[in-house]
Protein backbone atom coordinates (compact mmCIF):
# COMPACT_ATOMS: atom_id res chain seq x y z
CA MET A 1 -54.12 202.94 128.01
CA LYS A 2 -56.42 205.06 125.76
CA GLY A 3 -53.39 207.03 124.65
CA LEU A 4 -51.49 203.80 123.79
CA GLU A 5 -54.47 202.59 121.64
CA THR A 6 -54.51 205.87 119.82
CA PHE A 7 -50.74 205.61 119.09
CA LYS A 8 -51.33 202.06 117.68
CA GLU A 9 -54.08 203.24 115.44
CA LYS A 10 -52.07 206.29 114.11
CA ALA A 11 -49.01 203.78 113.40
CA THR A 12 -51.16 201.38 111.72
CA GLY A 13 -52.54 204.02 109.42
CA VAL A 14 -49.07 205.14 108.61
CA PHE A 15 -47.48 201.71 107.84
CA SER A 16 -50.55 199.96 106.51
CA GLY A 17 -49.65 200.68 102.89
CA ILE A 18 -45.92 199.63 103.26
CA LYS A 19 -45.03 195.98 102.40
CA PRO A 20 -41.68 194.36 102.68
CA LYS A 21 -40.06 193.79 99.27
CA PHE A 22 -37.89 190.77 98.70
CA GLU A 23 -35.89 189.51 95.79
CA ASN A 24 -37.87 187.02 93.91
CA PHE A 25 -35.52 184.64 92.31
CA GLU A 26 -34.72 180.92 91.47
CA ILE A 27 -31.36 179.25 91.94
CA SER A 28 -29.47 181.19 89.54
CA LYS A 29 -30.82 184.67 90.31
CA GLY A 30 -28.21 187.00 91.85
CA TYR A 31 -25.38 184.96 90.94
CA HIS A 32 -24.98 185.59 87.26
CA GLY A 33 -27.46 188.21 86.72
CA GLY A 34 -30.05 185.60 85.30
CA LEU A 35 -33.77 185.94 85.55
CA GLY A 36 -33.98 182.63 87.58
CA GLY A 37 -36.71 181.18 85.41
CA TYR A 38 -36.95 179.62 82.03
CA GLU A 39 -36.60 183.07 80.44
CA GLU A 40 -32.90 182.84 81.09
CA MET A 41 -32.36 180.71 78.10
CA ALA A 42 -33.79 183.28 75.79
CA VAL A 43 -32.16 186.37 77.47
CA GLY A 44 -28.84 184.99 77.84
CA GLU A 45 -26.24 185.25 80.50
CA LYS A 46 -24.85 188.46 81.86
CA GLU A 47 -21.29 189.23 81.13
CA GLY A 48 -19.11 189.85 84.07
CA ASP A 49 -15.72 191.48 84.77
CA GLY A 50 -13.83 188.36 85.41
CA PRO A 51 -10.86 187.11 83.18
CA GLY A 52 -13.13 184.90 81.13
CA GLY A 53 -16.32 187.04 81.26
CA GLY A 54 -17.64 185.40 84.39
CA VAL A 55 -19.03 187.06 87.46
CA ARG A 56 -17.23 186.50 90.73
CA TYR A 57 -19.34 185.13 93.55
CA ASP A 58 -20.40 187.66 96.15
CA ASP A 59 -22.46 186.56 99.06
CA ASP A 60 -23.22 189.80 100.70
CA ARG A 61 -26.81 189.87 99.65
CA PRO A 62 -29.41 190.08 102.49
CA ASP A 63 -30.90 187.06 104.00
CA SER A 64 -33.81 185.42 102.13
CA PRO A 65 -37.19 185.83 103.55
CA ALA A 66 -37.26 182.25 104.82
CA SER A 67 -34.33 183.14 107.22
CA PHE A 68 -36.16 185.96 108.74
CA ASP A 69 -38.78 183.67 110.29
CA GLU A 70 -38.22 181.78 113.43
CA ILE A 71 -36.97 178.37 112.15
CA GLU A 72 -39.03 175.47 113.54
CA ARG A 73 -36.93 172.30 113.68
CA PRO A 74 -38.81 169.06 112.80
CA PRO A 75 -39.44 166.70 115.66
CA LEU A 76 -36.91 163.99 116.28
CA ARG A 77 -37.87 160.39 115.05
CA LYS A 78 -37.39 157.57 117.52
CA ILE A 79 -34.27 156.38 115.75
CA ASP A 80 -32.79 159.84 116.03
CA LYS A 81 -33.04 159.87 119.80
CA TYR A 82 -30.38 156.91 119.79
CA CYS A 83 -28.43 157.71 116.64
CA LYS A 84 -28.29 161.12 114.94
CA ALA A 85 -29.09 161.22 111.22
CA GLU A 86 -25.79 162.35 110.19
CA CYS A 87 -22.47 161.14 108.76
CA PRO A 88 -19.36 161.98 110.79
CA CYS A 89 -17.35 164.82 109.28
CA MET A 90 -19.77 165.40 106.55
CA SER A 91 -22.43 167.92 106.11
CA ALA A 92 -26.05 167.06 105.35
CA ARG A 93 -26.01 168.12 101.65
CA TYR A 94 -22.89 165.95 101.08
CA THR A 95 -24.25 163.06 102.98
CA ILE A 96 -27.13 163.16 100.44
CA ALA A 97 -24.76 163.39 97.56
CA THR A 98 -22.83 160.50 98.93
CA MET A 99 -25.89 158.35 99.59
CA ALA A 100 -27.24 159.19 96.07
CA CYS A 101 -23.74 158.22 94.50
CA VAL A 102 -24.05 154.72 96.36
CA GLY A 103 -27.67 154.41 95.15
CA PHE A 104 -26.53 155.06 91.44
CA MET A 105 -23.73 152.41 92.09
CA ILE A 106 -26.24 149.81 92.98
CA ALA A 107 -28.58 150.72 90.29
CA PHE A 108 -25.89 150.48 87.35
CA GLY A 109 -24.11 147.59 89.13
CA MET A 110 -27.48 145.56 88.52
CA ARG A 111 -27.10 146.30 84.94
CA CYS A 112 -23.72 144.54 84.79
CA ASN A 113 -25.15 141.28 86.23
CA MET A 114 -26.89 139.92 83.04
CA SER A 115 -23.56 140.15 80.87
CA ALA A 116 -21.65 138.18 83.57
CA ALA A 117 -24.37 135.68 83.74
CA LYS A 118 -24.39 135.09 80.00
CA LEU A 119 -20.62 134.84 79.95
CA LYS A 120 -20.72 132.33 82.64
CA GLY A 121 -23.37 130.26 80.68
CA GLU A 122 -21.19 130.45 77.55
CA HIS A 123 -18.18 129.20 79.45
CA ASN A 124 -18.41 125.60 78.14
CA GLY A 125 -19.15 126.61 74.51
CA THR A 126 -22.99 126.39 74.91
CA VAL A 127 -25.49 129.33 74.30
CA PHE A 128 -26.83 130.75 77.50
CA MET A 129 -30.33 129.25 78.44
CA ASN A 130 -30.54 128.29 74.84
CA TRP A 131 -31.63 131.70 73.86
CA THR A 132 -31.30 132.76 70.29
CA VAL A 133 -29.50 136.16 69.24
CA ALA A 134 -33.02 137.86 69.04
CA VAL A 135 -33.94 136.80 72.54
CA GLU A 136 -30.69 137.91 73.91
CA SER A 137 -31.25 141.22 72.21
CA HIS A 138 -34.68 141.49 73.70
CA VAL A 139 -33.36 140.63 77.27
CA ASP A 140 -30.48 143.35 76.97
CA SER A 141 -32.91 146.06 75.63
CA SER A 142 -36.01 145.23 77.56
CA PHE A 143 -34.77 147.12 80.71
CA PHE A 144 -34.74 150.26 78.55
CA TRP A 145 -38.19 149.90 77.17
CA GLY A 146 -39.47 150.51 80.67
CA TYR A 147 -36.74 153.05 81.68
CA LEU A 148 -37.88 155.24 78.60
CA VAL A 149 -41.48 155.35 79.45
CA THR A 150 -41.12 156.83 83.04
CA GLN A 151 -38.41 159.52 82.14
CA ILE A 152 -40.69 162.37 81.55
CA PRO A 153 -43.46 161.30 83.91
CA GLY A 154 -40.76 160.93 86.46
CA GLY A 155 -40.07 164.67 86.13
CA PHE A 156 -43.62 165.48 87.16
CA ILE A 157 -43.63 162.85 89.92
CA ALA A 158 -40.43 164.27 91.44
CA SER A 159 -42.00 167.78 91.31
CA LYS A 160 -45.26 166.68 92.89
CA PHE A 161 -44.11 164.21 95.56
CA PRO A 162 -40.96 164.43 97.75
CA ALA A 163 -37.98 163.86 95.38
CA ASN A 164 -36.02 161.92 97.98
CA LYS A 165 -38.70 159.36 98.67
CA ILE A 166 -39.07 158.79 94.77
CA PHE A 167 -35.35 158.18 94.45
CA GLY A 168 -35.17 155.85 97.23
CA LEU A 169 -38.17 153.81 96.49
CA SER A 170 -37.19 153.40 92.66
CA ILE A 171 -33.98 151.89 93.54
CA ALA A 172 -35.37 149.67 96.24
CA SER A 173 -38.17 148.46 94.03
CA SER A 174 -35.81 147.51 91.32
CA ALA A 175 -33.50 145.80 93.73
CA THR A 176 -36.36 143.76 95.06
CA LEU A 177 -37.39 142.60 91.48
CA HIS A 178 -33.56 141.81 90.83
CA LEU A 179 -33.92 138.88 93.31
CA PHE A 180 -36.51 137.28 91.07
CA VAL A 181 -34.45 137.58 87.80
CA PRO A 182 -32.70 134.09 88.14
CA PHE A 183 -35.72 132.33 88.59
CA ALA A 184 -37.46 134.22 85.61
CA MET A 185 -34.73 133.39 83.42
CA THR A 186 -35.50 129.65 83.50
CA LEU A 187 -39.22 130.29 82.55
CA ALA A 188 -40.80 130.60 78.95
CA HIS A 189 -37.49 130.82 77.02
CA GLY A 190 -36.65 134.41 78.31
CA HIS A 191 -40.09 135.99 78.09
CA VAL A 192 -40.72 136.19 81.75
CA VAL A 193 -37.28 137.80 82.49
CA ILE A 194 -38.00 140.37 79.71
CA CYS A 195 -41.12 141.33 81.64
CA VAL A 196 -39.24 141.47 84.90
CA ARG A 197 -36.61 143.67 83.40
CA ILE A 198 -39.25 146.12 81.92
CA LEU A 199 -40.64 146.58 85.29
CA GLN A 200 -37.16 147.34 86.70
CA GLY A 201 -36.81 149.84 83.97
CA LEU A 202 -39.98 151.50 84.87
CA PHE A 203 -39.05 152.10 88.52
CA GLU A 204 -35.44 153.14 87.65
CA GLY A 205 -36.66 155.51 84.93
CA VAL A 206 -37.49 158.13 87.63
CA THR A 207 -33.97 158.17 89.34
CA TYR A 208 -32.33 160.86 87.33
CA PRO A 209 -35.29 163.32 87.30
CA ALA A 210 -35.70 162.73 91.07
CA CYS A 211 -32.05 163.42 91.79
CA HIS A 212 -32.43 166.65 90.15
CA GLY A 213 -35.50 167.34 92.10
CA ILE A 214 -33.45 166.85 95.25
CA TRP A 215 -30.70 169.30 94.26
CA ARG A 216 -33.28 172.05 93.65
CA PHE A 217 -33.68 172.21 97.42
CA TRP A 218 -30.20 171.12 98.34
CA ALA A 219 -27.59 172.41 95.95
CA PRO A 220 -26.34 176.01 96.51
CA PRO A 221 -25.77 177.63 93.04
CA MET A 222 -21.96 177.59 93.32
CA GLU A 223 -21.90 173.92 94.48
CA ARG A 224 -24.23 172.61 91.73
CA SER A 225 -21.47 171.04 89.64
CA ARG A 226 -19.62 169.33 92.58
CA LEU A 227 -22.89 167.96 94.29
CA ALA A 228 -24.48 166.81 91.03
CA THR A 229 -21.35 165.07 89.63
CA LEU A 230 -20.63 163.45 93.05
CA ALA A 231 -24.07 161.77 92.88
CA PHE A 232 -23.81 160.88 89.12
CA SER A 233 -20.24 159.42 89.50
CA GLY A 234 -22.02 156.71 91.25
CA SER A 235 -23.27 155.49 87.88
CA TYR A 236 -19.69 154.93 86.70
CA ALA A 237 -18.50 153.63 89.93
CA GLY A 238 -21.29 151.24 89.77
CA VAL A 239 -19.75 149.86 86.59
CA VAL A 240 -16.35 149.87 88.12
CA VAL A 241 -17.46 147.72 90.92
CA GLY A 242 -20.29 145.79 89.06
CA LEU A 243 -18.13 144.26 86.22
CA PRO A 244 -15.46 142.68 88.40
CA LEU A 245 -17.79 141.80 91.13
CA SER A 246 -20.38 140.25 88.91
CA GLY A 247 -17.77 138.33 87.04
CA LEU A 248 -16.11 137.01 90.35
CA LEU A 249 -19.57 136.12 91.82
CA ALA A 250 -20.79 134.29 88.64
CA ASP A 251 -17.39 132.52 88.25
CA THR A 252 -16.85 131.23 91.79
CA ILE A 253 -20.50 130.79 93.06
CA GLY A 254 -22.93 130.76 89.90
CA TYR A 255 -24.65 133.00 87.36
CA GLN A 256 -27.54 133.66 90.05
CA ALA A 257 -25.16 134.98 92.67
CA PRO A 258 -24.77 138.58 91.23
CA PHE A 259 -28.58 139.15 91.04
CA TYR A 260 -29.04 137.90 94.71
CA ALA A 261 -26.08 140.10 95.92
CA TYR A 262 -27.26 143.27 94.35
CA GLY A 263 -30.70 142.66 95.38
CA VAL A 264 -29.78 142.56 99.00
CA PHE A 265 -27.49 145.54 98.55
CA GLY A 266 -30.36 147.71 97.36
CA ILE A 267 -32.65 146.88 100.23
CA ILE A 268 -29.94 147.64 102.81
CA TRP A 269 -29.16 150.90 101.03
CA TYR A 270 -32.81 151.91 101.15
CA MET A 271 -32.80 151.62 104.91
CA PHE A 272 -29.86 153.79 105.32
CA TRP A 273 -31.38 156.32 102.67
CA LEU A 274 -34.62 156.66 104.72
CA TRP A 275 -32.60 157.34 107.72
CA LEU A 276 -30.25 159.96 106.41
CA CYS A 277 -31.90 161.81 103.60
CA PHE A 278 -34.77 164.29 103.56
CA GLU A 279 -36.78 166.38 101.20
CA SER A 280 -35.37 169.81 102.04
CA PRO A 281 -33.02 171.27 104.69
CA ARG A 282 -35.87 172.55 106.69
CA LYS A 283 -37.27 168.96 107.08
CA HIS A 284 -33.97 167.60 108.26
CA PRO A 285 -33.97 167.13 112.03
CA ALA A 286 -30.12 167.03 112.47
CA ILE A 287 -28.86 169.71 109.95
CA SER A 288 -26.78 172.39 111.70
CA LEU A 289 -28.25 175.87 111.72
CA PRO A 290 -25.44 177.54 109.75
CA GLU A 291 -25.79 174.95 106.99
CA LEU A 292 -29.60 175.54 106.87
CA LYS A 293 -29.17 179.26 106.56
CA TYR A 294 -26.47 179.07 104.01
CA ILE A 295 -28.50 176.87 101.76
CA GLU A 296 -31.75 178.81 102.20
CA LYS A 297 -29.83 182.12 101.78
CA SER A 298 -28.12 180.97 98.65
CA LEU A 299 -31.32 179.48 97.06
CA GLY A 300 -33.74 182.36 98.01
CA GLU A 301 -37.26 182.06 99.04
CA THR A 302 -38.29 179.48 96.59
CA SER A 303 -36.37 176.86 98.63
CA ALA A 304 -38.73 177.44 101.56
CA GLN A 305 -41.97 178.20 99.62
CA PRO A 306 -41.67 176.28 96.51
CA THR A 307 -44.17 176.51 93.65
CA MET A 308 -44.07 173.07 91.93
CA PRO A 309 -44.59 173.03 88.08
CA SER A 310 -47.47 171.13 86.55
CA LEU A 311 -48.46 169.88 83.24
CA LYS A 312 -50.16 172.93 82.37
CA THR A 313 -47.71 175.51 83.89
CA THR A 314 -44.79 173.85 82.20
CA PRO A 315 -43.54 176.00 79.23
CA TRP A 316 -43.65 173.33 76.62
CA ASN A 317 -43.51 175.81 73.60
CA GLU A 318 -40.51 177.51 75.04
CA MET A 319 -38.70 174.07 75.64
CA MET A 320 -39.39 173.03 71.95
CA ARG A 321 -37.90 176.20 70.52
CA SER A 322 -34.94 176.24 72.85
CA MET A 323 -31.57 175.43 71.29
CA PRO A 324 -29.88 174.86 74.69
CA VAL A 325 -32.43 172.00 75.31
CA TYR A 326 -31.72 170.32 71.98
CA ALA A 327 -28.04 170.64 72.72
CA ILE A 328 -28.47 168.76 75.97
CA ILE A 329 -30.65 166.11 74.34
CA VAL A 330 -28.06 165.53 71.62
CA ALA A 331 -25.14 165.31 74.05
CA ASN A 332 -27.18 162.91 76.44
CA PHE A 333 -27.96 160.50 73.44
CA CYS A 334 -24.27 160.44 72.26
CA ARG A 335 -23.00 159.84 75.67
CA SER A 336 -25.61 157.19 76.46
CA TRP A 337 -24.74 155.38 73.27
CA ASN A 338 -21.12 154.74 74.09
CA PHE A 339 -21.85 154.22 77.81
CA TYR A 340 -24.41 151.48 77.17
CA LEU A 341 -22.19 149.86 74.38
CA LEU A 342 -19.45 149.32 76.95
CA VAL A 343 -21.79 148.23 79.82
CA LEU A 344 -23.54 145.73 77.66
CA PHE A 345 -20.79 144.34 75.56
CA GLN A 346 -17.47 145.36 76.81
CA SER A 347 -16.85 142.21 78.78
CA SER A 348 -17.89 140.07 75.85
CA PHE A 349 -15.54 142.10 73.59
CA LEU A 350 -12.60 141.50 75.81
CA LYS A 351 -13.23 137.64 76.23
CA HIS A 352 -13.85 136.95 72.56
CA LYS A 353 -11.52 139.46 70.95
CA PHE A 354 -8.54 139.05 73.24
CA GLY A 355 -9.18 135.78 75.04
CA PHE A 356 -9.71 137.07 78.59
CA LYS A 357 -11.38 134.81 81.07
CA VAL A 358 -14.79 135.92 82.60
CA GLU A 359 -13.37 137.40 85.77
CA GLU A 360 -10.29 138.95 83.89
CA ALA A 361 -12.72 140.67 81.56
CA GLY A 362 -14.65 142.09 84.37
CA PHE A 363 -11.58 143.25 86.30
CA ILE A 364 -9.68 144.81 83.42
CA GLY A 365 -12.92 146.15 81.81
CA SER A 366 -13.59 148.23 84.89
CA LEU A 367 -10.29 150.19 84.53
CA PRO A 368 -11.85 152.95 82.11
CA HIS A 369 -14.83 153.41 84.35
CA LEU A 370 -12.50 153.54 87.38
CA ILE A 371 -10.67 156.61 85.99
CA MET A 372 -13.95 158.14 84.99
CA THR A 373 -15.34 157.76 88.62
CA THR A 374 -12.44 160.00 89.73
CA ILE A 375 -12.59 162.33 86.73
CA VAL A 376 -16.41 163.19 87.06
CA PRO A 377 -16.22 164.61 90.50
CA PHE A 378 -12.96 166.33 89.89
CA GLY A 379 -14.41 167.99 86.86
CA GLY A 380 -17.41 169.17 88.85
CA MET A 381 -15.00 171.00 91.48
CA LEU A 382 -12.90 172.40 88.49
CA ALA A 383 -16.02 173.77 86.89
CA ASP A 384 -17.28 175.34 90.13
CA HIS A 385 -13.79 176.82 90.66
CA LEU A 386 -13.75 178.38 87.30
CA ARG A 387 -17.26 179.79 87.76
CA LYS A 388 -16.95 180.88 91.47
CA ASN A 389 -13.82 182.83 90.84
CA GLY A 390 -15.12 184.49 87.57
CA ILE A 391 -12.43 182.90 85.35
CA MET A 392 -15.05 181.91 83.02
CA SER A 393 -18.71 182.29 82.61
CA THR A 394 -21.06 179.49 83.39
CA THR A 395 -21.98 179.11 79.60
CA ASN A 396 -18.28 179.01 78.66
CA VAL A 397 -17.53 176.47 81.27
CA ARG A 398 -20.31 174.20 80.22
CA LYS A 399 -19.30 174.48 76.52
CA LEU A 400 -15.44 173.81 77.24
CA PHE A 401 -16.20 170.80 79.38
CA ASN A 402 -18.78 169.22 77.13
CA CYS A 403 -17.12 169.71 73.83
CA GLY A 404 -13.73 168.98 75.04
CA GLY A 405 -14.66 165.90 76.80
CA PHE A 406 -16.66 164.44 73.93
CA GLY A 407 -14.01 165.65 71.37
CA MET A 408 -11.15 163.70 73.12
CA GLU A 409 -13.43 160.71 73.55
CA GLY A 410 -14.02 160.47 69.86
CA VAL A 411 -10.33 160.71 69.06
CA PHE A 412 -9.30 158.02 71.45
CA PHE A 413 -12.11 155.78 70.22
CA LEU A 414 -10.65 156.03 66.85
CA PHE A 415 -7.43 154.62 68.24
CA VAL A 416 -9.38 151.67 69.69
CA ALA A 417 -10.47 150.92 65.96
CA HIS A 418 -6.95 150.82 64.95
CA SER A 419 -5.43 148.81 67.83
CA ASN A 420 -4.56 145.21 67.28
CA THR A 421 -3.27 144.33 70.87
CA ALA A 422 -5.24 144.22 74.03
CA THR A 423 -2.78 146.76 75.58
CA GLY A 424 -3.40 149.36 73.04
CA ALA A 425 -7.12 148.93 72.85
CA MET A 426 -7.36 149.21 76.64
CA PHE A 427 -5.16 152.24 76.87
CA ALA A 428 -7.10 153.97 74.11
CA LEU A 429 -10.44 152.98 75.73
CA THR A 430 -9.30 154.02 79.09
CA CYS A 431 -8.23 157.63 77.94
CA GLY A 432 -11.50 158.00 75.81
CA VAL A 433 -13.75 157.05 78.80
CA ALA A 434 -11.82 159.27 81.16
CA PHE A 435 -12.15 162.35 79.00
CA SER A 436 -15.80 161.75 78.64
CA GLY A 437 -16.18 162.35 82.33
CA PHE A 438 -15.32 165.97 81.84
CA ALA A 439 -18.48 166.32 79.82
CA ILE A 440 -20.70 165.42 82.74
CA SER A 441 -20.01 168.87 84.05
CA GLY A 442 -21.29 170.19 80.87
CA TYR A 443 -24.55 168.82 79.61
CA ASN A 444 -25.56 166.65 82.70
CA VAL A 445 -25.60 169.82 85.08
CA ASN A 446 -26.89 172.33 82.44
CA HIS A 447 -30.65 171.77 83.38
CA LEU A 448 -30.18 173.55 86.51
CA ASP A 449 -28.48 176.43 84.87
CA ILE A 450 -31.02 177.21 82.05
CA ALA A 451 -34.24 176.28 84.06
CA PRO A 452 -33.89 175.33 87.81
CA ARG A 453 -37.59 175.36 88.32
CA TYR A 454 -38.05 172.68 85.55
CA ALA A 455 -34.88 170.85 85.97
CA SER A 456 -36.32 167.51 86.86
CA ILE A 457 -38.62 167.59 83.88
CA LEU A 458 -35.83 168.48 81.52
CA MET A 459 -33.72 165.76 82.94
CA GLY A 460 -36.44 163.34 82.25
CA LEU A 461 -36.86 164.63 78.64
CA SER A 462 -33.27 164.52 77.87
CA ASN A 463 -32.56 161.22 79.64
CA GLY A 464 -35.52 159.59 78.09
CA ILE A 465 -34.23 160.39 74.54
CA GLY A 466 -30.77 159.29 75.62
CA THR A 467 -32.42 156.06 76.77
CA LEU A 468 -33.29 155.42 73.18
CA ALA A 469 -29.56 154.47 72.67
CA GLY A 470 -29.80 151.66 75.16
CA ILE A 471 -32.72 150.17 73.22
CA ILE A 472 -31.04 150.70 69.94
CA VAL A 473 -27.51 149.50 70.55
CA PRO A 474 -28.52 145.76 70.98
CA TYR A 475 -30.63 145.75 67.90
CA ALA A 476 -28.20 147.59 65.87
CA LEU A 477 -25.33 145.07 66.83
CA ASP A 478 -27.81 142.22 66.11
CA GLY A 479 -28.24 143.62 62.60
CA LEU A 480 -24.61 143.73 61.92
CA ILE A 481 -24.16 140.33 63.39
CA GLN A 482 -26.89 138.73 61.46
CA LYS A 483 -25.42 140.19 58.21
CA ASN A 484 -21.95 138.72 58.97
CA VAL A 485 -23.42 135.39 60.17
CA SER A 486 -24.84 134.85 56.64
CA ILE A 487 -21.53 135.84 55.10
CA LEU A 488 -19.77 133.20 57.27
CA THR A 489 -22.39 130.60 56.53
CA ASN A 490 -22.40 131.22 52.77
CA THR A 491 -18.66 131.70 52.26
CA ASN A 492 -17.19 129.59 55.10
CA THR A 493 -14.89 132.46 55.77
CA ASN A 494 -12.91 132.34 58.87
CA LEU A 495 -13.96 134.89 61.48
CA SER A 496 -10.30 135.96 62.18
CA SER A 497 -9.99 137.21 58.57
CA ILE A 498 -13.19 139.12 58.68
CA ILE A 499 -12.02 140.85 61.95
CA ASN A 500 -8.61 141.60 60.36
CA GLU A 501 -10.32 143.12 57.41
CA CYS A 502 -12.57 145.33 59.54
CA ILE A 503 -9.54 146.39 61.50
CA GLU A 504 -7.86 147.41 58.24
CA GLN A 505 -10.79 149.44 57.22
CA HIS A 506 -10.97 151.04 60.73
CA THR A 507 -14.63 150.13 60.96
CA LEU A 508 -14.91 150.05 64.87
CA TYR A 509 -18.75 149.39 64.79
CA ILE A 510 -18.13 146.24 62.76
CA VAL A 511 -15.18 144.84 64.81
CA LEU A 512 -17.15 145.18 68.11
CA PRO A 513 -20.33 143.34 67.24
CA LEU A 514 -18.22 140.69 65.48
CA ALA A 515 -15.92 140.17 68.39
CA ILE A 516 -18.66 140.23 70.86
CA LYS A 517 -21.52 138.22 69.19
CA LEU A 518 -20.10 135.97 66.54
CA ASN A 519 -17.74 134.18 68.93
CA SER A 520 -20.64 133.49 71.39
CA ARG A 521 -22.19 131.04 69.00
CA ALA A 522 -20.85 127.48 69.48
CA HIS A 523 -20.55 126.67 65.83
CA LEU A 524 -18.53 129.91 65.16
CA LEU A 525 -16.25 129.13 68.10
CA ARG A 526 -15.24 126.07 66.36
CA SER A 527 -14.15 128.09 63.15
CA LEU A 528 -11.56 130.00 65.13
């Protein structure tokens, strides 16, 4: 025994100065030669030997430090003993992506309810709830007042607390408030419902930052685009389902029905979210061991031992001097402008410009968003394919998808301005919205490329500024409308002649508000 103790002492002396060295990287480290932190924006991307300058994916790196430890599985909950927390034929990370997609569907479907309710109220030629144009604008934009406030704080909240719990609670809280909207609309000439919608915006403002916080622990680098776009496609699928369903419920039951239906949907979804979704792979009681090791190996040691950013450690100066950050912000604002314009006023445009009924406007108006719902995840898979096989570098993929999508959207929207028929307008609008779906694989995923550690904060910053579009759009239309209302009042000019004149001048931004709002006033309807 004494000899054994002597051997241990000598061995300890020899190896005491040796410490294991592990690669310290964030999500993008080791895949494209990046530094893995915020410095990657300044240094740039490493050029590879692929056909388009990309780096082929090579997963022969040693396991991350996290996988060397004996993996301790979390204890099963009571419900897990009777029903396992998994979806059949679907991995844990894609289960989370699918559930996030459904959550976004409910969140964005709730935003379609107010337009359907107003159209139902105007069905008999009367103004909904006797609201003025200004009150309607306040109601339409009030959601975005609260939505804007919690964007950047939402990034820090999602960094400090479990992002999956923040995401689920935000949608559940908004859905609960949604149940009170019909009653609030009858009080104080719209002022109470404005307050309720502000609260809804405050809760939903953290959804996008929280979603990026989830992918920091769940998305392998070569699956970022497809997982993120699968989740984000729910926002467009929500419009696809929300527009016709809201119109159908409002037309067959009453204007209150869409609010009650979506409120219940949100609460039921939250129960499934709590059951199926977890903060990280290590905390998932039912995840398979191969998937757990694959995710942790691809993400590195930061997935198991994360260092969360704080207000002091966040590199604000670098962010403010970063051109990629400004590019993401501008792209987010431009896409949000068109998206909220369509969500808030597309049904009214189809009803008043082309004479569609309420339910018809909802069903036909959902077609562009239906196409986009399929384009967004397809674009994510295509982007990852180009990156994984080294056909194009990550930078070139993001630029191509972003600029190509926005460019084609702008071209087809010009055709909408030239269209005199419903068929031509809907075809151009559908193509424009469909091409914009490719842009989601550009700017909306780029946060995870340039600064994975601060992705949720960057998402809150860019989406917060993009939310300004949702606030500005109703007031911009209101200003155009008030101007043309005075023209009609002073000159007794027929509305159809003004619309025709705007079409001849190709001024889409005049045609849309005229068709949407002027016709919604009873005294103007009589002039047609």
